[in-house]
Amino acid sequence: MKRPMAYISAAWGNNEFENTETAAKYCRQLYEAGYTPMCPLLFLPIYLNDEIPEEHKDGIDMARDMLRRSRVLVVCGDVIDENVKNDIATAERFRITATTLEGILTIKKQGREKSNG
């Protein structure tokens, strides 16, 4: 079964290790909900240097391309910052459904309850 791609957007903090741990948790939850998680935060920093302006721009472009190829934008966490707002605007422009992780998990849970009931 092919899993639809879900792009993860969140207001990431300043702690790189905490961000990575949180992003991995979000990815796992989306995977378990039946999606292929796309989270640039987890792998772009491995080979791109954000301090180099050209690489910073390339990272933004690559992330936008991943979003355009995704079926859904999933907003995670409780904070909406400028990056999340930009992701939502991009999703709207490309007619990509935007929702929250909580929304996806609630629907998935209700689907399980119906099939068991």
N, C-alpha and C. Protein backbone atom coordinates (compact mmCIF):
# COMPACT_ATOMS: atom_id res chain seq x y z
N MET A 1 0.84 -1.18 0.00
CA MET A 1 0.00 0.00 0.00
C MET A 1 0.88 1.24 0.00
N LYS A 2 0.62 2.14 -0.93
CA LYS A 2 1.40 3.36 -1.01
C LYS A 2 0.91 4.36 0.03
N ARG A 3 1.84 4.90 0.78
CA ARG A 3 1.50 5.87 1.82
C ARG A 3 1.59 7.29 1.25
N PRO A 4 0.58 8.12 1.49
CA PRO A 4 0.67 9.51 1.03
C PRO A 4 1.75 10.26 1.82
N MET A 5 2.43 11.17 1.11
CA MET A 5 3.48 11.95 1.78
C MET A 5 2.84 13.08 2.59
N ALA A 6 3.35 13.24 3.82
CA ALA A 6 2.87 14.28 4.73
C ALA A 6 4.06 15.14 5.14
N TYR A 7 3.98 16.42 4.82
CA TYR A 7 5.06 17.36 5.15
C TYR A 7 4.83 17.91 6.55
N ILE A 8 5.85 17.84 7.37
CA ILE A 8 5.76 18.29 8.76
C ILE A 8 6.26 19.72 8.90
N SER A 9 5.41 20.56 9.47
CA SER A 9 5.77 21.93 9.76
C SER A 9 5.58 22.16 11.26
N ALA A 10 6.52 22.86 11.87
CA ALA A 10 6.43 23.16 13.30
C ALA A 10 7.28 24.38 13.59
N ALA A 11 6.97 25.04 14.69
CA ALA A 11 7.79 26.16 15.15
C ALA A 11 8.92 25.56 15.98
N TRP A 12 10.05 25.35 15.36
CA TRP A 12 11.18 24.70 16.04
C TRP A 12 11.87 25.69 16.97
N GLY A 13 12.35 25.19 18.10
CA GLY A 13 13.07 26.02 19.07
C GLY A 13 14.53 26.17 18.70
N ASN A 14 15.33 26.60 19.65
CA ASN A 14 16.76 26.82 19.41
C ASN A 14 17.61 25.61 19.77
N ASN A 15 17.04 24.63 20.46
CA ASN A 15 17.80 23.46 20.89
C ASN A 15 17.75 22.39 19.79
N GLU A 16 18.87 22.22 19.10
CA GLU A 16 18.96 21.29 17.97
C GLU A 16 18.59 19.86 18.36
N PHE A 17 19.06 19.41 19.52
CA PHE A 17 18.81 18.03 19.94
C PHE A 17 17.34 17.82 20.31
N GLU A 18 16.78 18.80 20.99
CA GLU A 18 15.36 18.73 21.35
C GLU A 18 14.49 18.74 20.08
N ASN A 19 14.85 19.60 19.12
CA ASN A 19 14.12 19.66 17.85
C ASN A 19 14.16 18.31 17.14
N THR A 20 15.32 17.70 17.08
CA THR A 20 15.48 16.41 16.40
C THR A 20 14.63 15.34 17.07
N GLU A 21 14.66 15.31 18.38
CA GLU A 21 13.88 14.32 19.13
C GLU A 21 12.37 14.53 18.90
N THR A 22 11.94 15.78 18.94
CA THR A 22 10.53 16.09 18.73
C THR A 22 10.11 15.75 17.30
N ALA A 23 10.94 16.12 16.32
CA ALA A 23 10.63 15.85 14.92
C ALA A 23 10.53 14.35 14.66
N ALA A 24 11.42 13.57 15.25
CA ALA A 24 11.38 12.12 15.09
C ALA A 24 10.08 11.56 15.68
N LYS A 25 9.64 12.12 16.80
CA LYS A 25 8.38 11.68 17.42
C LYS A 25 7.20 11.99 16.49
N TYR A 26 7.18 13.20 15.92
CA TYR A 26 6.12 13.55 14.99
C TYR A 26 6.12 12.60 13.78
N CYS A 27 7.31 12.33 13.25
CA CYS A 27 7.43 11.43 12.09
C CYS A 27 6.89 10.05 12.43
N ARG A 28 7.22 9.55 13.60
CA ARG A 28 6.76 8.23 14.01
C ARG A 28 5.22 8.18 14.08
N GLN A 29 4.64 9.23 14.65
CA GLN A 29 3.19 9.27 14.79
C GLN A 29 2.52 9.31 13.41
N LEU A 30 3.09 10.07 12.49
CA LEU A 30 2.52 10.12 11.14
C LEU A 30 2.71 8.79 10.41
N TYR A 31 3.86 8.18 10.60
CA TYR A 31 4.10 6.86 10.01
C TYR A 31 3.04 5.86 10.50
N GLU A 32 2.81 5.85 11.80
CA GLU A 32 1.84 4.93 12.38
C GLU A 32 0.41 5.25 11.92
N ALA A 33 0.17 6.50 11.50
CA ALA A 33 -1.14 6.90 11.00
C ALA A 33 -1.29 6.59 9.51
N GLY A 34 -0.23 6.04 8.89
CA GLY A 34 -0.33 5.61 7.50
C GLY A 34 0.30 6.54 6.48
N TYR A 35 1.12 7.48 6.91
CA TYR A 35 1.74 8.45 6.01
C TYR A 35 3.24 8.21 5.88
N THR A 36 3.82 8.78 4.81
CA THR A 36 5.27 8.87 4.67
C THR A 36 5.65 10.27 5.13
N PRO A 37 6.26 10.41 6.31
CA PRO A 37 6.59 11.74 6.83
C PRO A 37 7.74 12.39 6.06
N MET A 38 7.59 13.67 5.77
CA MET A 38 8.64 14.46 5.13
C MET A 38 9.00 15.57 6.12
N CYS A 39 10.19 15.49 6.70
CA CYS A 39 10.59 16.49 7.69
C CYS A 39 12.02 16.96 7.38
N PRO A 40 12.14 18.06 6.63
CA PRO A 40 13.47 18.56 6.24
C PRO A 40 14.40 18.81 7.43
N LEU A 41 13.85 19.16 8.58
CA LEU A 41 14.67 19.43 9.76
C LEU A 41 15.54 18.24 10.12
N LEU A 42 15.06 17.03 9.83
CA LEU A 42 15.79 15.83 10.24
C LEU A 42 16.98 15.50 9.34
N PHE A 43 16.95 15.94 8.08
CA PHE A 43 18.07 15.53 7.24
C PHE A 43 18.77 16.64 6.47
N LEU A 44 18.14 17.76 6.18
CA LEU A 44 18.85 18.83 5.46
C LEU A 44 20.08 19.33 6.21
N PRO A 45 20.01 19.51 7.55
CA PRO A 45 21.20 19.97 8.27
C PRO A 45 22.38 19.00 8.23
N ILE A 46 22.12 17.75 7.85
CA ILE A 46 23.21 16.78 7.78
C ILE A 46 24.21 17.15 6.68
N TYR A 47 23.70 17.72 5.58
CA TYR A 47 24.60 18.01 4.47
C TYR A 47 24.58 19.47 4.01
N LEU A 48 23.70 20.29 4.56
CA LEU A 48 23.69 21.71 4.21
C LEU A 48 24.16 22.54 5.40
N ASN A 49 24.94 23.58 5.11
CA ASN A 49 25.40 24.50 6.14
C ASN A 49 24.52 25.75 6.08
N ASP A 50 23.65 25.90 7.06
CA ASP A 50 22.70 27.01 7.09
C ASP A 50 23.38 28.36 7.22
N GLU A 51 24.64 28.37 7.64
CA GLU A 51 25.39 29.63 7.80
C GLU A 51 25.85 30.19 6.45
N ILE A 52 25.86 29.36 5.41
CA ILE A 52 26.25 29.80 4.07
C ILE A 52 24.97 30.22 3.35
N PRO A 53 24.85 31.50 2.98
CA PRO A 53 23.59 32.00 2.42
C PRO A 53 23.05 31.17 1.24
N GLU A 54 23.90 30.75 0.33
CA GLU A 54 23.44 29.96 -0.82
C GLU A 54 22.86 28.62 -0.37
N GLU A 55 23.51 27.99 0.60
CA GLU A 55 23.03 26.70 1.10
C GLU A 55 21.74 26.89 1.91
N HIS A 56 21.64 27.99 2.63
CA HIS A 56 20.41 28.30 3.36
C HIS A 56 19.24 28.42 2.38
N LYS A 57 19.45 29.17 1.29
CA LYS A 57 18.42 29.34 0.26
C LYS A 57 18.09 28.00 -0.40
N ASP A 58 19.11 27.20 -0.71
CA ASP A 58 18.88 25.89 -1.31
C ASP A 58 18.03 25.02 -0.39
N GLY A 59 18.28 25.09 0.92
CA GLY A 59 17.51 24.32 1.88
C GLY A 59 16.05 24.73 1.88
N ILE A 60 15.80 26.03 1.81
CA ILE A 60 14.42 26.52 1.74
C ILE A 60 13.76 26.02 0.47
N ASP A 61 14.47 26.11 -0.66
CA ASP A 61 13.92 25.65 -1.94
C ASP A 61 13.62 24.15 -1.92
N MET A 62 14.52 23.36 -1.35
CA MET A 62 14.32 21.91 -1.28
C MET A 62 13.12 21.58 -0.39
N ALA A 63 13.01 22.28 0.73
CA ALA A 63 11.88 22.04 1.63
C ALA A 63 10.57 22.39 0.94
N ARG A 64 10.54 23.51 0.22
CA ARG A 64 9.33 23.91 -0.51
C ARG A 64 8.96 22.86 -1.56
N ASP A 65 9.97 22.31 -2.23
CA ASP A 65 9.71 21.27 -3.23
C ASP A 65 9.11 20.02 -2.57
N MET A 66 9.61 19.66 -1.39
CA MET A 66 9.05 18.52 -0.66
C MET A 66 7.59 18.78 -0.29
N LEU A 67 7.31 20.00 0.11
CA LEU A 67 5.93 20.37 0.46
C LEU A 67 5.04 20.25 -0.78
N ARG A 68 5.51 20.78 -1.91
CA ARG A 68 4.71 20.72 -3.14
C ARG A 68 4.40 19.28 -3.55
N ARG A 69 5.29 18.35 -3.25
CA ARG A 69 5.10 16.94 -3.63
C ARG A 69 4.26 16.15 -2.61
N SER A 70 3.94 16.78 -1.50
CA SER A 70 3.21 16.10 -0.43
C SER A 70 1.71 16.20 -0.64
N ARG A 71 0.99 15.24 -0.10
CA ARG A 71 -0.48 15.24 -0.18
C ARG A 71 -1.07 16.14 0.88
N VAL A 72 -0.37 16.26 2.02
CA VAL A 72 -0.93 17.02 3.13
C VAL A 72 0.20 17.74 3.89
N LEU A 73 -0.11 18.93 4.40
CA LEU A 73 0.77 19.67 5.30
C LEU A 73 0.26 19.41 6.70
N VAL A 74 1.15 18.95 7.58
CA VAL A 74 0.75 18.65 8.95
C VAL A 74 1.47 19.63 9.89
N VAL A 75 0.67 20.48 10.53
CA VAL A 75 1.22 21.44 11.49
C VAL A 75 1.27 20.75 12.85
N CYS A 76 2.47 20.72 13.43
CA CYS A 76 2.69 20.04 14.70
C CYS A 76 3.03 21.06 15.78
N GLY A 77 2.66 20.75 17.00
CA GLY A 77 2.96 21.64 18.12
C GLY A 77 1.88 22.69 18.31
N ASP A 78 2.07 23.51 19.33
CA ASP A 78 1.06 24.50 19.71
C ASP A 78 1.38 25.92 19.25
N VAL A 79 2.56 26.13 18.65
CA VAL A 79 2.99 27.48 18.28
C VAL A 79 2.99 27.62 16.76
N ILE A 80 2.50 28.75 16.29
CA ILE A 80 2.53 29.06 14.86
C ILE A 80 3.48 30.24 14.68
N ASP A 81 4.64 30.00 14.06
CA ASP A 81 5.59 31.09 13.80
C ASP A 81 5.55 31.45 12.32
N GLU A 82 6.44 32.34 11.89
CA GLU A 82 6.46 32.80 10.50
C GLU A 82 6.73 31.65 9.52
N ASN A 83 7.60 30.72 9.90
CA ASN A 83 7.89 29.59 9.01
C ASN A 83 6.65 28.72 8.80
N VAL A 84 5.92 28.48 9.87
CA VAL A 84 4.69 27.67 9.75
C VAL A 84 3.67 28.43 8.91
N LYS A 85 3.53 29.74 9.13
CA LYS A 85 2.60 30.54 8.33
C LYS A 85 2.98 30.48 6.85
N ASN A 86 4.28 30.54 6.55
CA ASN A 86 4.74 30.44 5.16
C ASN A 86 4.40 29.08 4.57
N ASP A 87 4.57 28.01 5.36
CA ASP A 87 4.23 26.67 4.87
C ASP A 87 2.74 26.56 4.58
N ILE A 88 1.92 27.14 5.45
CA ILE A 88 0.46 27.10 5.25
C ILE A 88 0.10 27.87 3.98
N ALA A 89 0.71 29.03 3.78
CA ALA A 89 0.43 29.83 2.58
C ALA A 89 0.86 29.08 1.32
N THR A 90 2.01 28.42 1.37
CA THR A 90 2.48 27.63 0.23
C THR A 90 1.52 26.48 -0.06
N ALA A 91 1.07 25.80 0.99
CA ALA A 91 0.12 24.70 0.82
C ALA A 91 -1.16 25.21 0.17
N GLU A 92 -1.66 26.35 0.62
CA GLU A 92 -2.88 26.93 0.03
C GLU A 92 -2.67 27.23 -1.44
N ARG A 93 -1.52 27.80 -1.77
CA ARG A 93 -1.22 28.17 -3.15
C ARG A 93 -1.22 26.95 -4.07
N PHE A 94 -0.77 25.82 -3.56
CA PHE A 94 -0.69 24.60 -4.36
C PHE A 94 -1.86 23.65 -4.09
N ARG A 95 -2.87 24.16 -3.39
CA ARG A 95 -4.08 23.38 -3.09
C ARG A 95 -3.76 22.07 -2.36
N ILE A 96 -2.89 22.18 -1.39
CA ILE A 96 -2.51 21.03 -0.55
C ILE A 96 -3.27 21.18 0.77
N THR A 97 -3.91 20.13 1.19
CA THR A 97 -4.66 20.15 2.44
C THR A 97 -3.72 20.43 3.61
N ALA A 98 -4.11 21.31 4.50
CA ALA A 98 -3.36 21.60 5.72
C ALA A 98 -4.20 21.17 6.91
N THR A 99 -3.57 20.49 7.84
CA THR A 99 -4.26 20.04 9.05
C THR A 99 -3.25 20.00 10.18
N THR A 100 -3.69 19.52 11.32
CA THR A 100 -2.79 19.39 12.46
C THR A 100 -2.51 17.91 12.72
N LEU A 101 -1.43 17.65 13.41
CA LEU A 101 -1.13 16.27 13.80
C LEU A 101 -2.25 15.74 14.69
N GLU A 102 -2.72 16.58 15.59
CA GLU A 102 -3.82 16.18 16.48
C GLU A 102 -5.05 15.78 15.67
N GLY A 103 -5.35 16.54 14.62
CA GLY A 103 -6.49 16.23 13.76
C GLY A 103 -6.35 14.88 13.08
N ILE A 104 -5.17 14.61 12.54
CA ILE A 104 -4.92 13.33 11.87
C ILE A 104 -5.05 12.18 12.86
N LEU A 105 -4.47 12.33 14.05
CA LEU A 105 -4.51 11.25 15.03
C LEU A 105 -5.93 11.02 15.55
N THR A 106 -6.71 12.08 15.70
CA THR A 106 -8.10 11.95 16.14
C THR A 106 -8.91 11.18 15.11
N ILE A 107 -8.76 11.54 13.84
CA ILE A 107 -9.50 10.85 12.77
C ILE A 107 -9.08 9.39 12.70
N LYS A 108 -7.78 9.14 12.80
CA LYS A 108 -7.29 7.76 12.74
C LYS A 108 -7.88 6.93 13.89
N LYS A 109 -7.91 7.53 15.08
CA LYS A 109 -8.46 6.84 16.26
C LYS A 109 -9.94 6.53 16.07
N GLN A 110 -10.70 7.49 15.55
CA GLN A 110 -12.13 7.29 15.33
C GLN A 110 -12.36 6.22 14.27
N GLY A 111 -11.51 6.16 13.26
CA GLY A 111 -11.64 5.13 12.23
C GLY A 111 -11.44 3.74 12.82
N ARG A 112 -10.50 3.62 13.75
CA ARG A 112 -10.26 2.32 14.41
C ARG A 112 -11.45 1.93 15.27
N GLU A 113 -12.01 2.91 15.99
CA GLU A 113 -13.16 2.63 16.85
C GLU A 113 -14.36 2.17 16.04
N LYS A 114 -14.60 2.78 14.88
CA LYS A 114 -15.73 2.39 14.02
C LYS A 114 -15.53 0.95 13.51
N SER A 115 -14.30 0.64 13.08
CA SER A 115 -14.06 -0.69 12.52
C SER A 115 -14.12 -1.79 13.59
N ASN A 116 -13.87 -1.41 14.84
CA ASN A 116 -13.95 -2.38 15.94
C ASN A 116 -15.37 -2.49 16.49
N GLY A 117 -16.20 -1.47 16.24
CA GLY A 117 -17.52 -1.40 16.86
C GLY A 117 -18.53 -1.98 15.99
